[in-house]
Protein backbone atom coordinates (compact mmCIF):
# COMPACT_ATOMS: atom_id res chain seq x y z
CA MET A 1 8.74 2.71 6.12
CA VAL A 2 7.36 1.77 9.53
CA LYS A 3 10.34 3.17 11.43
CA TYR A 4 10.38 6.23 9.16
CA ALA A 5 6.74 6.93 10.04
CA GLU A 6 7.47 6.47 13.72
CA CYS A 7 10.39 8.93 13.53
CA PHE A 8 7.87 11.61 12.58
CA GLY A 9 5.30 10.65 15.20
CA ALA A 10 3.03 8.70 12.85
CA HIS A 11 1.83 5.14 13.24
CA GLY A 12 3.46 2.76 10.78
CA HIS A 13 2.09 -0.51 9.49
CA ARG A 14 3.60 -2.99 7.01
CA VAL A 15 1.32 -5.47 5.23
CA ARG A 16 1.90 -8.41 2.91
CA THR A 17 -1.62 -9.76 2.35
CA GLU A 18 -5.07 -8.39 1.68
CA GLU A 19 -6.19 -9.52 5.13
CA GLU A 20 -3.29 -7.69 6.76
CA PHE A 21 -4.19 -4.58 4.77
CA VAL A 22 -7.80 -4.65 5.96
CA ALA A 23 -6.67 -5.04 9.57
CA ALA A 24 -4.06 -2.26 9.22
CA LEU A 25 -6.60 0.07 7.62
CA GLU A 26 -9.13 -0.54 10.39
CA GLN A 27 -6.44 0.02 13.01
CA SER A 28 -5.21 3.17 11.26
CA LEU A 29 -8.70 4.65 11.17
CA ALA A 30 -9.07 3.99 14.91
CA GLU A 31 -5.70 5.52 15.87
CA GLU A 32 -5.17 9.13 16.83
CA GLY A 33 -2.97 11.05 14.42
CA PRO A 34 -1.51 10.09 11.06
CA SER A 35 -0.87 6.52 9.99
CA ILE A 36 1.16 5.14 7.10
CA ILE A 37 0.53 1.70 5.60
CA ASP A 38 3.51 0.24 3.74
CA VAL A 39 2.25 -1.96 0.88
CA PRO A 40 4.88 -3.70 -1.29
CA VAL A 41 3.96 -3.66 -4.99
CA ASP A 42 5.20 -6.06 -7.67
CA TYR A 43 5.61 -3.94 -10.80
CA SER A 44 6.91 -6.77 -12.99
CA ARG A 45 3.61 -7.23 -14.85
CA ASN A 46 2.62 -3.57 -15.28
CA THR A 47 3.00 -3.66 -19.07
CA ASP A 48 0.84 -6.79 -19.37
CA LEU A 49 -1.79 -5.31 -17.10
CA GLY A 50 -1.74 -1.98 -18.92
CA ALA A 51 -2.14 -3.68 -22.28
CA HIS A 52 -5.12 -5.61 -20.97
CA LEU A 53 -6.78 -2.52 -19.51
CA HIS A 54 -5.92 -0.12 -22.35
CA GLU A 55 -5.30 -2.16 -25.49
CA ASP A 56 -4.95 0.87 -27.76
CA VAL A 57 -2.24 2.48 -25.61
CA PHE A 58 0.39 -0.26 -26.04
CA GLU A 59 -0.02 -0.96 -29.76
């Protein structure tokens, strides 16, 4: 995603931790022009999380 952003003239940032995200967000807000932050997401527990947040939906 970083190189893709750069191909279109945007700033690209890839993060793996919360601390990296905070730093990338601060940097993005300080940069001129658009910025894209690539955040990998683990979807393997979505059903468990959804059931916990919305018990009536997954019954």
